[in-house]
Amino acid sequence: MPNPDLQKTLSAWESLENTIGVPHNEKDYQKLVSFLDKLIDEVGEDETHPLASLMEVVGVLIEDYENKNVKELALKF
């Protein structure tokens, strides 16, 4: 019998999988940056907002891509 929490996650993921994911190229990266911009507009600095943790996750995905692929940013740190 499937796990009910996993089933809920699968249902939600199907609608998000084209928006959120590990970026593997510039196009994926730009799409994720655009999505983060929209999240920032919605969430702002409200750490209690229901989308605040999603904003953090998307930020981590972007940061990881930049650290691996954007040499200008990597040199600054």
PDB file of N, CA and C in Angstrom:
ATOM      1  N   MET A   1       0.841  -1.188   0.000  1.00  0.00           N
ATOM      2  CA  MET A   1       0.000   0.000   0.000  1.00  0.00           C
ATOM      3  C   MET A   1       0.881   1.245   0.000  1.00  0.00           C
ATOM      4  N   PRO A   2       0.626   2.189  -0.907  1.00  0.00           N
ATOM      5  CA  PRO A   2       1.436   3.403  -0.974  1.00  0.00           C
ATOM      6  C   PRO A   2       1.292   4.263   0.278  1.00  0.00           C
ATOM      7  N   ASN A   3       2.355   4.941   0.631  1.00  0.00           N
ATOM      8  CA  ASN A   3       2.371   5.866   1.756  1.00  0.00           C
ATOM      9  C   ASN A   3       1.512   7.080   1.400  1.00  0.00           C
ATOM     10  N   PRO A   4       0.517   7.433   2.240  1.00  0.00           N
ATOM     11  CA  PRO A   4      -0.362   8.574   1.916  1.00  0.00           C
ATOM     12  C   PRO A   4       0.394   9.891   1.782  1.00  0.00           C
ATOM     13  N   ASP A   5       1.422  10.105   2.610  1.00  0.00           N
ATOM     14  CA  ASP A   5       2.195  11.343   2.503  1.00  0.00           C
ATOM     15  C   ASP A   5       2.949  11.393   1.179  1.00  0.00           C
ATOM     16  N   LEU A   6       3.466  10.254   0.759  1.00  0.00           N
ATOM     17  CA  LEU A   6       4.172  10.195  -0.511  1.00  0.00           C
ATOM     18  C   LEU A   6       3.212  10.428  -1.674  1.00  0.00           C
ATOM     19  N   GLN A   7       2.008   9.928  -1.562  1.00  0.00           N
ATOM     20  CA  GLN A   7       1.001  10.143  -2.610  1.00  0.00           C
ATOM     21  C   GLN A   7       0.641  11.623  -2.714  1.00  0.00           C
ATOM     22  N   LYS A   8       0.504  12.301  -1.574  1.00  0.00           N
ATOM     23  CA  LYS A   8       0.214  13.734  -1.583  1.00  0.00           C
ATOM     24  C   LYS A   8       1.366  14.502  -2.224  1.00  0.00           C
ATOM     25  N   THR A   9       2.585  14.098  -1.881  1.00  0.00           N
ATOM     26  CA  THR A   9       3.763  14.750  -2.444  1.00  0.00           C
ATOM     27  C   THR A   9       3.817  14.550  -3.950  1.00  0.00           C
ATOM     28  N   LEU A  10       3.535  13.341  -4.397  1.00  0.00           N
ATOM     29  CA  LEU A  10       3.538  13.054  -5.824  1.00  0.00           C
ATOM     30  C   LEU A  10       2.512  13.907  -6.557  1.00  0.00           C
ATOM     31  N   SER A  11       1.336  14.030  -6.007  1.00  0.00           N
ATOM     32  CA  SER A  11       0.292  14.849  -6.629  1.00  0.00           C
ATOM     33  C   SER A  11       0.718  16.308  -6.737  1.00  0.00           C
ATOM     34  N   ALA A  12       1.301  16.819  -5.668  1.00  0.00           N
ATOM     35  CA  ALA A  12       1.751  18.214  -5.676  1.00  0.00           C
ATOM     36  C   ALA A  12       2.936  18.387  -6.622  1.00  0.00           C
ATOM     37  N   TRP A  13       3.857  17.422  -6.627  1.00  0.00           N
ATOM     38  CA  TRP A  13       5.057  17.537  -7.440  1.00  0.00           C
ATOM     39  C   TRP A  13       4.735  17.570  -8.932  1.00  0.00           C
ATOM     40  N   GLU A  14       3.743  16.825  -9.344  1.00  0.00           N
ATOM     41  CA  GLU A  14       3.386  16.778 -10.758  1.00  0.00           C
ATOM     42  C   GLU A  14       3.063  18.165 -11.306  1.00  0.00           C
ATOM     43  N   SER A  15       2.515  19.031 -10.463  1.00  0.00           N
ATOM     44  CA  SER A  15       2.200  20.382 -10.926  1.00  0.00           C
ATOM     45  C   SER A  15       3.389  21.339 -10.802  1.00  0.00           C
ATOM     46  N   LEU A  16       4.446  20.922 -10.086  1.00  0.00           N
ATOM     47  CA  LEU A  16       5.595  21.801  -9.855  1.00  0.00           C
ATOM     48  C   LEU A  16       6.863  21.382 -10.581  1.00  0.00           C
ATOM     49  N   GLU A  17       6.909  20.158 -11.071  1.00  0.00           N
ATOM     50  CA  GLU A  17       8.168  19.627 -11.583  1.00  0.00           C
ATOM     51  C   GLU A  17       8.743  20.412 -12.761  1.00  0.00           C
ATOM     52  N   ASN A  18       7.920  21.134 -13.491  1.00  0.00           N
ATOM     53  CA  ASN A  18       8.437  21.946 -14.591  1.00  0.00           C
ATOM     54  C   ASN A  18       8.895  23.330 -14.132  1.00  0.00           C
ATOM     55  N   THR A  19       8.663  23.646 -12.868  1.00  0.00           N
ATOM     56  CA  THR A  19       9.047  24.943 -12.321  1.00  0.00           C
ATOM     57  C   THR A  19      10.253  24.836 -11.393  1.00  0.00           C
ATOM     58  N   ILE A  20      10.299  23.788 -10.588  1.00  0.00           N
ATOM     59  CA  ILE A  20      11.334  23.638  -9.575  1.00  0.00           C
ATOM     60  C   ILE A  20      12.148  22.387  -9.862  1.00  0.00           C
ATOM     61  N   GLY A  21      13.453  22.543  -9.830  1.00  0.00           N
ATOM     62  CA  GLY A  21      14.348  21.412 -10.027  1.00  0.00           C
ATOM     63  C   GLY A  21      15.781  21.885 -10.011  1.00  0.00           C
ATOM     64  N   VAL A  22      16.690  20.944  -9.999  1.00  0.00           N
ATOM     65  CA  VAL A  22      18.103  21.273 -10.030  1.00  0.00           C
ATOM     66  C   VAL A  22      18.428  21.797 -11.429  1.00  0.00           C
ATOM     67  N   PRO A  23      18.951  23.014 -11.533  1.00  0.00           N
ATOM     68  CA  PRO A  23      19.282  23.543 -12.856  1.00  0.00           C
ATOM     69  C   PRO A  23      20.541  22.874 -13.412  1.00  0.00           C
ATOM     70  N   HIS A  24      20.443  22.429 -14.666  1.00  0.00           N
ATOM     71  CA  HIS A  24      21.579  21.761 -15.308  1.00  0.00           C
ATOM     72  C   HIS A  24      22.167  22.575 -16.445  1.00  0.00           C
ATOM     73  N   ASN A  25      21.529  23.690 -16.770  1.00  0.00           N
ATOM     74  CA  ASN A  25      22.025  24.542 -17.844  1.00  0.00           C
ATOM     75  C   ASN A  25      21.512  25.965 -17.606  1.00  0.00           C
ATOM     76  N   GLU A  26      21.947  26.882 -18.446  1.00  0.00           N
ATOM     77  CA  GLU A  26      21.592  28.292 -18.284  1.00  0.00           C
ATOM     78  C   GLU A  26      20.079  28.521 -18.361  1.00  0.00           C
ATOM     79  N   LYS A  27      19.415  27.806 -19.243  1.00  0.00           N
ATOM     80  CA  LYS A  27      17.957  27.962 -19.385  1.00  0.00           C
ATOM     81  C   LYS A  27      17.241  27.558 -18.096  1.00  0.00           C
ATOM     82  N   ASP A  28      17.622  26.407 -17.529  1.00  0.00           N
ATOM     83  CA  ASP A  28      17.038  25.955 -16.259  1.00  0.00           C
ATOM     84  C   ASP A  28      17.318  26.973 -15.154  1.00  0.00           C
ATOM     85  N   TYR A  29      18.551  27.459 -15.131  1.00  0.00           N
ATOM     86  CA  TYR A  29      18.966  28.431 -14.116  1.00  0.00           C
ATOM     87  C   TYR A  29      18.130  29.709 -14.211  1.00  0.00           C
ATOM     88  N   GLN A  30      17.978  30.252 -15.414  1.00  0.00           N
ATOM     89  CA  GLN A  30      17.214  31.482 -15.597  1.00  0.00           C
ATOM     90  C   GLN A  30      15.748  31.292 -15.212  1.00  0.00           C
ATOM     91  N   LYS A  31      15.198  30.130 -15.521  1.00  0.00           N
ATOM     92  CA  LYS A  31      13.809  29.840 -15.151  1.00  0.00           C
ATOM     93  C   LYS A  31      13.656  29.816 -13.626  1.00  0.00           C
ATOM     94  N   LEU A  32      14.648  29.232 -12.950  1.00  0.00           N
ATOM     95  CA  LEU A  32      14.599  29.162 -11.492  1.00  0.00           C
ATOM     96  C   LEU A  32      14.781  30.547 -10.869  1.00  0.00           C
ATOM     97  N   VAL A  33      15.653  31.360 -11.441  1.00  0.00           N
ATOM     98  CA  VAL A  33      15.848  32.732 -10.945  1.00  0.00           C
ATOM     99  C   VAL A  33      14.555  33.531 -11.094  1.00  0.00           C
ATOM    100  N   SER A  34      13.897  33.366 -12.217  1.00  0.00           N
ATOM    101  CA  SER A  34      12.628  34.064 -12.445  1.00  0.00           C
ATOM    102  C   SER A  34      11.582  33.639 -11.413  1.00  0.00           C
ATOM    103  N   PHE A  35      11.546  32.346 -11.126  1.00  0.00           N
ATOM    104  CA  PHE A  35      10.605  31.840 -10.126  1.00  0.00           C
ATOM    105  C   PHE A  35      10.940  32.392  -8.741  1.00  0.00           C
ATOM    106  N   LEU A  36      12.230  32.453  -8.415  1.00  0.00           N
ATOM    107  CA  LEU A  36      12.635  33.015  -7.122  1.00  0.00           C
ATOM    108  C   LEU A  36      12.218  34.479  -7.017  1.00  0.00           C
ATOM    109  N   ASP A  37      12.371  35.216  -8.087  1.00  0.00           N
ATOM    110  CA  ASP A  37      11.945  36.622  -8.074  1.00  0.00           C
ATOM    111  C   ASP A  37      10.457  36.739  -7.729  1.00  0.00           C
ATOM    112  N   LYS A  38       9.650  35.871  -8.292  1.00  0.00           N
ATOM    113  CA  LYS A  38       8.206  35.884  -8.004  1.00  0.00           C
ATOM    114  C   LYS A  38       7.937  35.507  -6.554  1.00  0.00           C
ATOM    115  N   LEU A  39       8.686  34.516  -6.052  1.00  0.00           N
ATOM    116  CA  LEU A  39       8.531  34.141  -4.642  1.00  0.00           C
ATOM    117  C   LEU A  39       8.907  35.297  -3.724  1.00  0.00           C
ATOM    118  N   ILE A  40       9.993  35.980  -4.048  1.00  0.00           N
ATOM    119  CA  ILE A  40      10.435  37.118  -3.230  1.00  0.00           C
ATOM    120  C   ILE A  40       9.375  38.216  -3.231  1.00  0.00           C
ATOM    121  N   ASP A  41       8.778  38.480  -4.385  1.00  0.00           N
ATOM    122  CA  ASP A  41       7.707  39.479  -4.462  1.00  0.00           C
ATOM    123  C   ASP A  41       6.532  39.087  -3.563  1.00  0.00           C
ATOM    124  N   GLU A  42       6.224  37.813  -3.512  1.00  0.00           N
ATOM    125  CA  GLU A  42       5.088  37.327  -2.716  1.00  0.00           C
ATOM    126  C   GLU A  42       5.421  37.262  -1.226  1.00  0.00           C
ATOM    127  N   VAL A  43       6.571  36.692  -0.901  1.00  0.00           N
ATOM    128  CA  VAL A  43       6.926  36.404   0.495  1.00  0.00           C
ATOM    129  C   VAL A  43       7.543  37.613   1.188  1.00  0.00           C
ATOM    130  N   GLY A  44       8.373  38.342   0.465  1.00  0.00           N
ATOM    131  CA  GLY A  44       9.087  39.447   1.085  1.00  0.00           C
ATOM    132  C   GLY A  44       9.988  38.936   2.192  1.00  0.00           C
ATOM    133  N   GLU A  45       9.924  39.558   3.340  1.00  0.00           N
ATOM    134  CA  GLU A  45      10.747  39.144   4.479  1.00  0.00           C
ATOM    135  C   GLU A  45       9.924  38.434   5.549  1.00  0.00           C
ATOM    136  N   ASP A  46       8.733  38.013   5.195  1.00  0.00           N
ATOM    137  CA  ASP A  46       7.838  37.334   6.136  1.00  0.00           C
ATOM    138  C   ASP A  46       8.251  35.874   6.295  1.00  0.00           C
ATOM    139  N   GLU A  47       9.025  35.582   7.332  1.00  0.00           N
ATOM    140  CA  GLU A  47       9.511  34.224   7.569  1.00  0.00           C
ATOM    141  C   GLU A  47       8.402  33.247   7.936  1.00  0.00           C
ATOM    142  N   THR A  48       7.221  33.766   8.240  1.00  0.00           N
ATOM    143  CA  THR A  48       6.102  32.880   8.587  1.00  0.00           C
ATOM    144  C   THR A  48       5.204  32.594   7.386  1.00  0.00           C
ATOM    145  N   HIS A  49       5.515  33.206   6.257  1.00  0.00           N
ATOM    146  CA  HIS A  49       4.725  32.988   5.046  1.00  0.00           C
ATOM    147  C   HIS A  49       4.803  31.506   4.660  1.00  0.00           C
ATOM    148  N   PRO A  50       3.711  30.913   4.203  1.00  0.00           N
ATOM    149  CA  PRO A  50       3.715  29.491   3.833  1.00  0.00           C
ATOM    150  C   PRO A  50       4.718  29.131   2.730  1.00  0.00           C
ATOM    151  N   LEU A  51       5.127  30.102   1.926  1.00  0.00           N
ATOM    152  CA  LEU A  51       6.081  29.826   0.848  1.00  0.00           C
ATOM    153  C   LEU A  51       7.524  30.189   1.208  1.00  0.00           C
ATOM    154  N   ALA A  52       7.760  30.613   2.437  1.00  0.00           N
ATOM    155  CA  ALA A  52       9.102  31.043   2.841  1.00  0.00           C
ATOM    156  C   ALA A  52      10.117  29.902   2.723  1.00  0.00           C
ATOM    157  N   SER A  53       9.769  28.711   3.130  1.00  0.00           N
ATOM    158  CA  SER A  53      10.732  27.611   3.045  1.00  0.00           C
ATOM    159  C   SER A  53      10.982  27.205   1.590  1.00  0.00           C
ATOM    160  N   LEU A  54       9.973  27.316   0.747  1.00  0.00           N
ATOM    161  CA  LEU A  54      10.166  27.040  -0.674  1.00  0.00           C
ATOM    162  C   LEU A  54      11.126  28.067  -1.270  1.00  0.00           C
ATOM    163  N   MET A  55      10.988  29.309  -0.875  1.00  0.00           N
ATOM    164  CA  MET A  55      11.883  30.355  -1.341  1.00  0.00           C
ATOM    165  C   MET A  55      13.321  30.024  -0.946  1.00  0.00           C
ATOM    166  N   GLU A  56      13.508  29.528   0.254  1.00  0.00           N
ATOM    167  CA  GLU A  56      14.843  29.156   0.726  1.00  0.00           C
ATOM    168  C   GLU A  56      15.415  27.994  -0.089  1.00  0.00           C
ATOM    169  N   VAL A  57      14.601  26.995  -0.359  1.00  0.00           N
ATOM    170  CA  VAL A  57      15.046  25.840  -1.146  1.00  0.00           C
ATOM    171  C   VAL A  57      15.455  26.269  -2.548  1.00  0.00           C
ATOM    172  N   VAL A  58      14.651  27.087  -3.191  1.00  0.00           N
ATOM    173  CA  VAL A  58      14.959  27.566  -4.534  1.00  0.00           C
ATOM    174  C   VAL A  58      16.251  28.391  -4.504  1.00  0.00           C
ATOM    175  N   GLY A  59      16.427  29.191  -3.478  1.00  0.00           N
ATOM    176  CA  GLY A  59      17.658  29.965  -3.330  1.00  0.00           C
ATOM    177  C   GLY A  59      18.890  29.083  -3.217  1.00  0.00           C
ATOM    178  N   VAL A  60      18.775  27.984  -2.494  1.00  0.00           N
ATOM    179  CA  VAL A  60      19.894  27.046  -2.347  1.00  0.00           C
ATOM    180  C   VAL A  60      20.216  26.388  -3.689  1.00  0.00           C
ATOM    181  N   LEU A  61      19.195  26.016  -4.448  1.00  0.00           N
ATOM    182  CA  LEU A  61      19.428  25.427  -5.767  1.00  0.00           C
ATOM    183  C   LEU A  61      20.161  26.406  -6.684  1.00  0.00           C
ATOM    184  N   ILE A  62      19.757  27.661  -6.640  1.00  0.00           N
ATOM    185  CA  ILE A  62      20.398  28.695  -7.455  1.00  0.00           C
ATOM    186  C   ILE A  62      21.836  28.923  -7.003  1.00  0.00           C
ATOM    187  N   GLU A  63      22.034  29.030  -5.711  1.00  0.00           N
ATOM    188  CA  GLU A  63      23.374  29.252  -5.177  1.00  0.00           C
ATOM    189  C   GLU A  63      24.323  28.116  -5.556  1.00  0.00           C
ATOM    190  N   ASP A  64      23.852  26.899  -5.481  1.00  0.00           N
ATOM    191  CA  ASP A  64      24.679  25.753  -5.844  1.00  0.00           C
ATOM    192  C   ASP A  64      25.073  25.819  -7.321  1.00  0.00           C
ATOM    193  N   TYR A  65      24.112  26.140  -8.177  1.00  0.00           N
ATOM    194  CA  TYR A  65      24.405  26.259  -9.608  1.00  0.00           C
ATOM    195  C   TYR A  65      25.442  27.359  -9.849  1.00  0.00           C
ATOM    196  N   GLU A  66      25.256  28.500  -9.202  1.00  0.00           N
ATOM    197  CA  GLU A  66      26.183  29.617  -9.386  1.00  0.00           C
ATOM    198  C   GLU A  66      27.590  29.254  -8.918  1.00  0.00           C
ATOM    199  N   ASN A  67      27.682  28.576  -7.783  1.00  0.00           N
ATOM    200  CA  ASN A  67      28.996  28.187  -7.265  1.00  0.00           C
ATOM    201  C   ASN A  67      29.727  27.252  -8.223  1.00  0.00           C
ATOM    202  N   LYS A  68      28.989  26.436  -8.932  1.00  0.00           N
ATOM    203  CA  LYS A  68      29.601  25.471  -9.848  1.00  0.00           C
ATOM    204  C   LYS A  68      29.801  26.016 -11.255  1.00  0.00           C
ATOM    205  N   ASN A  69      29.002  26.996 -11.667  1.00  0.00           N
ATOM    206  CA  ASN A  69      28.975  27.369 -13.072  1.00  0.00           C
ATOM    207  C   ASN A  69      29.224  28.839 -13.393  1.00  0.00           C
ATOM    208  N   VAL A  70      29.176  29.707 -12.424  1.00  0.00           N
ATOM    209  CA  VAL A  70      29.347  31.127 -12.701  1.00  0.00           C
ATOM    210  C   VAL A  70      30.678  31.558 -12.087  1.00  0.00           C
ATOM    211  N   LYS A  71      31.719  31.536 -12.899  1.00  0.00           N
ATOM    212  CA  LYS A  71      33.072  31.786 -12.415  1.00  0.00           C
ATOM    213  C   LYS A  71      33.243  33.166 -11.779  1.00  0.00           C
ATOM    214  N   GLU A  72      32.576  34.179 -12.332  1.00  0.00           N
ATOM    215  CA  GLU A  72      32.705  35.528 -11.779  1.00  0.00           C
ATOM    216  C   GLU A  72      32.250  35.579 -10.324  1.00  0.00           C
ATOM    217  N   LEU A  73      31.195  34.833  -9.999  1.00  0.00           N
ATOM    218  CA  LEU A  73      30.697  34.819  -8.622  1.00  0.00           C
ATOM    219  C   LEU A  73      31.589  33.992  -7.738  1.00  0.00           C
ATOM    220  N   ALA A  74      32.107  32.888  -8.242  1.00  0.00           N
ATOM    221  CA  ALA A  74      32.961  32.014  -7.445  1.00  0.00           C
ATOM    222  C   ALA A  74      34.263  32.713  -7.048  1.00  0.00           C
ATOM    223  N   LEU A  75      34.767  33.598  -7.898  1.00  0.00           N
ATOM    224  CA  LEU A  75      36.022  34.283  -7.609  1.00  0.00           C
ATOM    225  C   LEU A  75      35.883  35.308  -6.493  1.00  0.00           C
ATOM    226  N   LYS A  76      34.676  35.803  -6.273  1.00  0.00           N
ATOM    227  CA  LYS A  76      34.456  36.830  -5.253  1.00  0.00           C
ATOM    228  C   LYS A  76      34.512  36.257  -3.837  1.00  0.00           C
ATOM    229  N   PHE A  77      34.366  34.967  -3.708  1.00  0.00           N
ATOM    230  CA  PHE A  77      34.320  34.372  -2.371  1.00  0.00           C
ATOM    231  C   PHE A  77      35.556  33.648  -2.079  1.00  0.00           C
TER     232      PHE A  77
END
